[in-house]
Structure formats: C-alpha cells, structure tokens
Amino acid sequence: MTTNRIAKTLREPSELDYFDSRSVLLPTHITALDAWNIMTKDTGPLLRAAFRIRDAISSLFGVRRIGGFAGNRRERVQVGDRLDFFLVEHIAPDLLVLTERDRHLDVMTCLSISDRVITITSSVVTHNTYGRIYMLPVGPAHKLIVNNYLKRLQRKLA
C-alpha cells in the first residue's frame, strides 16, 4: 500500500491497472465516515440496477454477489468491519480506507479529507483476464458514480 498525500493506493499509480482520484471542496468540515454515510444513503434505481446486473454476470464466474450500497448509517466503524461489501482497512476522522479483494482483482477506495477538500481515490490491481474484462465497463462507470456522489455530498452539505 502506498500513500499519495494522505490518500492510499494498492501500489504506485504507474503499477495499477486502474487509478482514479477525484476531489471537491466541501462547504463545511465533516469526517470521512460522515461523507461515506451521506454519499451512500440513497443510491437510486440506476445504480441499484447496475449492481444487480454486475452480480448476475459476475456470479457466473464465481465472484461473490455484493448487492450494492445498503444506505445504512454507521456512527462508528473499526478496522475489520464491513461497510456494505468493503472491508475497513483504516479509519481516522480524515481517512477511510476500504478494500474488496478476490481472485480476479483487488480494489481499494480511499476517502481522504484535508482542509475541507474530500478526495476519493480508487485503485485496482487485476489478477486475470476476467478482472481485466470486468474493469472495461466498470472503470468508466466508476468515474460517473464518484462524480455523482461528490456532487450529492456538496449539495447535501450546502
């Protein structure tokens, strides 16, 4: 695991199969867990459908169903807990590091906050052909999802 400012990634960005980092200025100070709770509260029908399609296809290849985001507010988490399908690997007021690992790929999503700027950094290392094929639609979709989550976060805090 490497650190880029306060964001964490699975490896150096040049060694990743997927890397994306997006930031916005927040109107007020919140914790990384607060941001997670706000962003994942209401996922909407399109994202729920995307997760159902993902699960239906991926399960044919032995990948665990993840079901998407439940929208359950968590007041506290600790290392080893799960936030939906993600494993909490690190938690601090300004940093939340989440992972999901299987035989096809490893994913790390890092929410970091510094001076009211929240950054969501995602890194992926693929292990086989299925992992690489999986990332073809997921990579571009992920960018749209994160953009929407960051806009929602700004709106809710405004």
C-alpha atoms as a PDB file:
ATOM      1  CA  MET A   1       0.000   0.000   0.000  1.00  0.00           C
ATOM      2  CA  THR A   2       1.384   3.400  -0.945  1.00  0.00           C
ATOM      3  CA  THR A   3       0.417   6.885   0.108  1.00  0.00           C
ATOM      4  CA  ASN A   4      -0.251   9.791  -2.263  1.00  0.00           C
ATOM      5  CA  ARG A   5      -0.538  12.820   0.055  1.00  0.00           C
ATOM      6  CA  ILE A   6      -2.946  11.292   2.546  1.00  0.00           C
ATOM      7  CA  ALA A   7      -4.728   9.045   0.016  1.00  0.00           C
ATOM      8  CA  LYS A   8      -3.740   5.406  -0.030  1.00  0.00           C
ATOM      9  CA  THR A   9      -3.480   3.132  -3.068  1.00  0.00           C
ATOM     10  CA  LEU A  10      -2.744  -0.554  -3.539  1.00  0.00           C
ATOM     11  CA  ARG A  11       0.516   0.247  -5.352  1.00  0.00           C
ATOM     12  CA  GLU A  12       2.221   3.176  -7.024  1.00  0.00           C
ATOM     13  CA  PRO A  13      -0.204   4.618  -9.639  1.00  0.00           C
ATOM     14  CA  SER A  14       2.051   3.564 -12.538  1.00  0.00           C
ATOM     15  CA  GLU A  15       1.808  -0.058 -11.329  1.00  0.00           C
ATOM     16  CA  LEU A  16      -2.005  -0.131 -11.153  1.00  0.00           C
ATOM     17  CA  ASP A  17      -4.450  -1.492 -13.706  1.00  0.00           C
ATOM     18  CA  TYR A  18      -6.932   1.246 -12.766  1.00  0.00           C
ATOM     19  CA  PHE A  19      -6.434   4.516 -10.931  1.00  0.00           C
ATOM     20  CA  ASP A  20      -8.846   7.387 -10.415  1.00  0.00           C
ATOM     21  CA  SER A  21      -8.747  10.295  -7.990  1.00  0.00           C
ATOM     22  CA  ARG A  22     -11.408  12.990  -7.753  1.00  0.00           C
ATOM     23  CA  SER A  23     -11.753  15.889  -5.320  1.00  0.00           C
ATOM     24  CA  VAL A  24     -14.214  18.626  -4.394  1.00  0.00           C
ATOM     25  CA  LEU A  25     -14.230  21.422  -1.836  1.00  0.00           C
ATOM     26  CA  LEU A  26     -16.820  20.909   0.885  1.00  0.00           C
ATOM     27  CA  PRO A  27     -18.730  23.845   2.386  1.00  0.00           C
ATOM     28  CA  THR A  28     -18.138  22.541   5.899  1.00  0.00           C
ATOM     29  CA  HIS A  29     -15.879  20.145   7.771  1.00  0.00           C
ATOM     30  CA  ILE A  30     -17.052  16.533   8.109  1.00  0.00           C
ATOM     31  CA  THR A  31     -15.350  13.226   8.785  1.00  0.00           C
ATOM     32  CA  ALA A  32     -14.602  10.631   6.131  1.00  0.00           C
ATOM     33  CA  LEU A  33     -17.230   8.317   7.656  1.00  0.00           C
ATOM     34  CA  ASP A  34     -19.813  11.125   7.566  1.00  0.00           C
ATOM     35  CA  ALA A  35     -19.033  11.589   3.874  1.00  0.00           C
ATOM     36  CA  TRP A  36     -19.470   7.856   3.246  1.00  0.00           C
ATOM     37  CA  ASN A  37     -22.828   7.875   5.049  1.00  0.00           C
ATOM     38  CA  ILE A  38     -24.128  10.836   3.054  1.00  0.00           C
ATOM     39  CA  MET A  39     -22.912   9.587  -0.322  1.00  0.00           C
ATOM     40  CA  THR A  40     -24.236   6.038   0.017  1.00  0.00           C
ATOM     41  CA  LYS A  41     -27.555   6.857   1.692  1.00  0.00           C
ATOM     42  CA  ASP A  42     -29.720   6.953  -1.447  1.00  0.00           C
ATOM     43  CA  THR A  43     -28.251   5.040  -4.369  1.00  0.00           C
ATOM     44  CA  GLY A  44     -31.125   5.483  -6.820  1.00  0.00           C
ATOM     45  CA  PRO A  45     -32.671   2.996  -9.255  1.00  0.00           C
ATOM     46  CA  LEU A  46     -29.980   3.186 -11.945  1.00  0.00           C
ATOM     47  CA  LEU A  47     -27.133   2.280  -9.610  1.00  0.00           C
ATOM     48  CA  ARG A  48     -29.216  -0.455  -7.938  1.00  0.00           C
ATOM     49  CA  ALA A  49     -29.890  -1.937 -11.394  1.00  0.00           C
ATOM     50  CA  ALA A  50     -26.192  -1.723 -12.277  1.00  0.00           C
ATOM     51  CA  PHE A  51     -25.294  -3.670  -9.122  1.00  0.00           C
ATOM     52  CA  ARG A  52     -27.938  -6.320  -9.923  1.00  0.00           C
ATOM     53  CA  ILE A  53     -26.527  -6.734 -13.444  1.00  0.00           C
ATOM     54  CA  ARG A  54     -22.991  -6.843 -12.070  1.00  0.00           C
ATOM     55  CA  ASP A  55     -23.947  -9.528  -9.563  1.00  0.00           C
ATOM     56  CA  ALA A  56     -25.819 -11.641 -12.142  1.00  0.00           C
ATOM     57  CA  ILE A  57     -22.900 -11.659 -14.585  1.00  0.00           C
ATOM     58  CA  SER A  58     -20.089 -11.886 -12.046  1.00  0.00           C
ATOM     59  CA  SER A  59     -21.662 -14.752 -10.123  1.00  0.00           C
ATOM     60  CA  LEU A  60     -21.353 -16.859 -13.302  1.00  0.00           C
ATOM     61  CA  PHE A  61     -17.581 -16.524 -12.872  1.00  0.00           C
ATOM     62  CA  GLY A  62     -17.506 -17.392  -9.186  1.00  0.00           C
ATOM     63  CA  VAL A  63     -17.434 -13.807  -7.936  1.00  0.00           C
ATOM     64  CA  ARG A  64     -19.339 -13.088  -4.734  1.00  0.00           C
ATOM     65  CA  ARG A  65     -22.505 -11.031  -5.073  1.00  0.00           C
ATOM     66  CA  ILE A  66     -22.055  -7.618  -3.465  1.00  0.00           C
ATOM     67  CA  GLY A  67     -25.582  -6.236  -3.677  1.00  0.00           C
ATOM     68  CA  GLY A  68     -24.579  -2.592  -3.745  1.00  0.00           C
ATOM     69  CA  PHE A  69     -24.893   0.011  -1.026  1.00  0.00           C
ATOM     70  CA  ALA A  70     -27.495  -0.572   1.685  1.00  0.00           C
ATOM     71  CA  GLY A  71     -27.604   3.075   2.781  1.00  0.00           C
ATOM     72  CA  ASN A  72     -27.349   2.168   6.457  1.00  0.00           C
ATOM     73  CA  ARG A  73     -25.829   4.975   8.505  1.00  0.00           C
ATOM     74  CA  ARG A  74     -22.872   3.903  10.601  1.00  0.00           C
ATOM     75  CA  GLU A  75     -21.892   6.051  13.561  1.00  0.00           C
ATOM     76  CA  ARG A  76     -18.673   4.159  14.137  1.00  0.00           C
ATOM     77  CA  VAL A  77     -16.554   1.553  12.395  1.00  0.00           C
ATOM     78  CA  GLN A  78     -13.254  -0.062  13.186  1.00  0.00           C
ATOM     79  CA  VAL A  79     -10.627  -1.912  11.212  1.00  0.00           C
ATOM     80  CA  GLY A  80     -12.027  -5.297  10.195  1.00  0.00           C
ATOM     81  CA  ASP A  81     -15.661  -4.120   9.996  1.00  0.00           C
ATOM     82  CA  ARG A  82     -17.579  -4.111   6.730  1.00  0.00           C
ATOM     83  CA  LEU A  83     -19.177  -1.102   5.106  1.00  0.00           C
ATOM     84  CA  ASP A  84     -21.509  -2.834   2.699  1.00  0.00           C
ATOM     85  CA  PHE A  85     -19.212  -5.074   0.619  1.00  0.00           C
ATOM     86  CA  PHE A  86     -15.993  -3.250   1.542  1.00  0.00           C
ATOM     87  CA  LEU A  87     -13.601  -4.250   4.320  1.00  0.00           C
ATOM     88  CA  VAL A  88     -12.485  -1.328   6.504  1.00  0.00           C
ATOM     89  CA  GLU A  89      -8.667  -1.386   6.468  1.00  0.00           C
ATOM     90  CA  HIS A  90      -8.082   2.003   8.091  1.00  0.00           C
ATOM     91  CA  ILE A  91     -10.288   4.554   9.789  1.00  0.00           C
ATOM     92  CA  ALA A  92      -9.470   8.018  11.112  1.00  0.00           C
ATOM     93  CA  PRO A  93     -11.529  11.214  11.158  1.00  0.00           C
ATOM     94  CA  ASP A  94      -9.930  12.364   7.889  1.00  0.00           C
ATOM     95  CA  LEU A  95      -9.301   8.974   6.261  1.00  0.00           C
ATOM     96  CA  LEU A  96     -11.339   5.893   5.388  1.00  0.00           C
ATOM     97  CA  VAL A  97      -9.608   3.075   3.510  1.00  0.00           C
ATOM     98  CA  LEU A  98     -11.850   0.347   2.098  1.00  0.00           C
ATOM     99  CA  THR A  99     -10.928  -2.786   0.142  1.00  0.00           C
ATOM    100  CA  GLU A 100     -12.512  -5.688  -1.649  1.00  0.00           C
ATOM    101  CA  ARG A 101     -10.251  -8.497  -2.804  1.00  0.00           C
ATOM    102  CA  ASP A 102     -10.972 -11.669  -4.741  1.00  0.00           C
ATOM    103  CA  ARG A 103      -9.194 -13.972  -7.173  1.00  0.00           C
ATOM    104  CA  HIS A 104      -9.937 -11.640 -10.104  1.00  0.00           C
ATOM    105  CA  LEU A 105      -8.934  -8.255  -8.711  1.00  0.00           C
ATOM    106  CA  ASP A 106      -8.122  -6.171  -5.667  1.00  0.00           C
ATOM    107  CA  VAL A 107      -9.907  -2.850  -5.166  1.00  0.00           C
ATOM    108  CA  MET A 108      -9.039  -0.073  -2.746  1.00  0.00           C
ATOM    109  CA  THR A 109     -11.170   3.015  -2.271  1.00  0.00           C
ATOM    110  CA  CYS A 110      -9.820   5.771  -0.090  1.00  0.00           C
ATOM    111  CA  LEU A 111     -11.828   8.752   1.168  1.00  0.00           C
ATOM    112  CA  SER A 112      -9.482  11.414   2.473  1.00  0.00           C
ATOM    113  CA  ILE A 113     -10.247  14.907   3.715  1.00  0.00           C
ATOM    114  CA  SER A 114      -7.777  17.744   4.082  1.00  0.00           C
ATOM    115  CA  ASP A 115      -8.702  21.425   4.549  1.00  0.00           C
ATOM    116  CA  ARG A 116     -12.340  20.612   3.634  1.00  0.00           C
ATOM    117  CA  VAL A 117     -11.269  19.033   0.319  1.00  0.00           C
ATOM    118  CA  ILE A 118     -12.513  15.484   0.017  1.00  0.00           C
ATOM    119  CA  THR A 119     -10.693  13.171  -2.353  1.00  0.00           C
ATOM    120  CA  ILE A 120     -11.928   9.765  -3.426  1.00  0.00           C
ATOM    121  CA  THR A 121      -9.063   7.692  -4.743  1.00  0.00           C
ATOM    122  CA  SER A 122      -9.670   4.278  -6.255  1.00  0.00           C
ATOM    123  CA  SER A 123      -7.022   1.792  -7.247  1.00  0.00           C
ATOM    124  CA  VAL A 124      -7.345  -1.653  -8.808  1.00  0.00           C
ATOM    125  CA  VAL A 125      -4.943  -4.476  -9.495  1.00  0.00           C
ATOM    126  CA  THR A 126      -6.329  -7.195 -11.771  1.00  0.00           C
ATOM    127  CA  HIS A 127      -5.197 -10.804 -11.469  1.00  0.00           C
ATOM    128  CA  ASN A 128      -6.576 -12.439 -14.614  1.00  0.00           C
ATOM    129  CA  THR A 129      -8.497 -11.986 -17.856  1.00  0.00           C
ATOM    130  CA  TYR A 130     -11.863 -11.791 -16.119  1.00  0.00           C
ATOM    131  CA  GLY A 131     -10.590  -8.993 -13.876  1.00  0.00           C
ATOM    132  CA  ARG A 132      -9.359  -7.038 -16.899  1.00  0.00           C
ATOM    133  CA  ILE A 133     -12.636  -7.562 -18.805  1.00  0.00           C
ATOM    134  CA  TYR A 134     -14.634  -6.624 -15.703  1.00  0.00           C
ATOM    135  CA  MET A 135     -12.855  -3.286 -15.492  1.00  0.00           C
ATOM    136  CA  LEU A 136     -13.685  -2.320 -19.108  1.00  0.00           C
ATOM    137  CA  PRO A 137     -17.243  -1.157 -18.257  1.00  0.00           C
ATOM    138  CA  VAL A 138     -16.642  -0.642 -14.530  1.00  0.00           C
ATOM    139  CA  GLY A 139     -13.773   1.837 -14.960  1.00  0.00           C
ATOM    140  CA  PRO A 140     -15.749   4.481 -16.882  1.00  0.00           C
ATOM    141  CA  ALA A 141     -18.906   3.822 -14.833  1.00  0.00           C
ATOM    142  CA  HIS A 142     -16.950   4.257 -11.616  1.00  0.00           C
ATOM    143  CA  LYS A 143     -15.878   7.763 -12.642  1.00  0.00           C
ATOM    144  CA  LEU A 144     -19.504   8.767 -13.250  1.00  0.00           C
ATOM    145  CA  ILE A 145     -20.628   7.270  -9.954  1.00  0.00           C
ATOM    146  CA  VAL A 146     -17.918   9.045  -7.962  1.00  0.00           C
ATOM    147  CA  ASN A 147     -18.673  12.360  -9.707  1.00  0.00           C
ATOM    148  CA  ASN A 148     -22.349  11.980  -8.796  1.00  0.00           C
ATOM    149  CA  TYR A 149     -21.524  11.065  -5.201  1.00  0.00           C
ATOM    150  CA  LEU A 150     -19.268  14.088  -4.812  1.00  0.00           C
ATOM    151  CA  LYS A 151     -21.926  16.418  -6.266  1.00  0.00           C
ATOM    152  CA  ARG A 152     -24.535  14.900  -3.947  1.00  0.00           C
ATOM    153  CA  LEU A 153     -22.230  15.410  -0.986  1.00  0.00           C
ATOM    154  CA  GLN A 154     -21.727  19.074  -1.861  1.00  0.00           C
ATOM    155  CA  ARG A 155     -25.496  19.598  -2.280  1.00  0.00           C
ATOM    156  CA  LYS A 156     -26.385  17.894   0.999  1.00  0.00           C
ATOM    157  CA  LEU A 157     -23.830  19.958   2.928  1.00  0.00           C
ATOM    158  CA  ALA A 158     -24.684  23.300   1.270  1.00  0.00           C
END
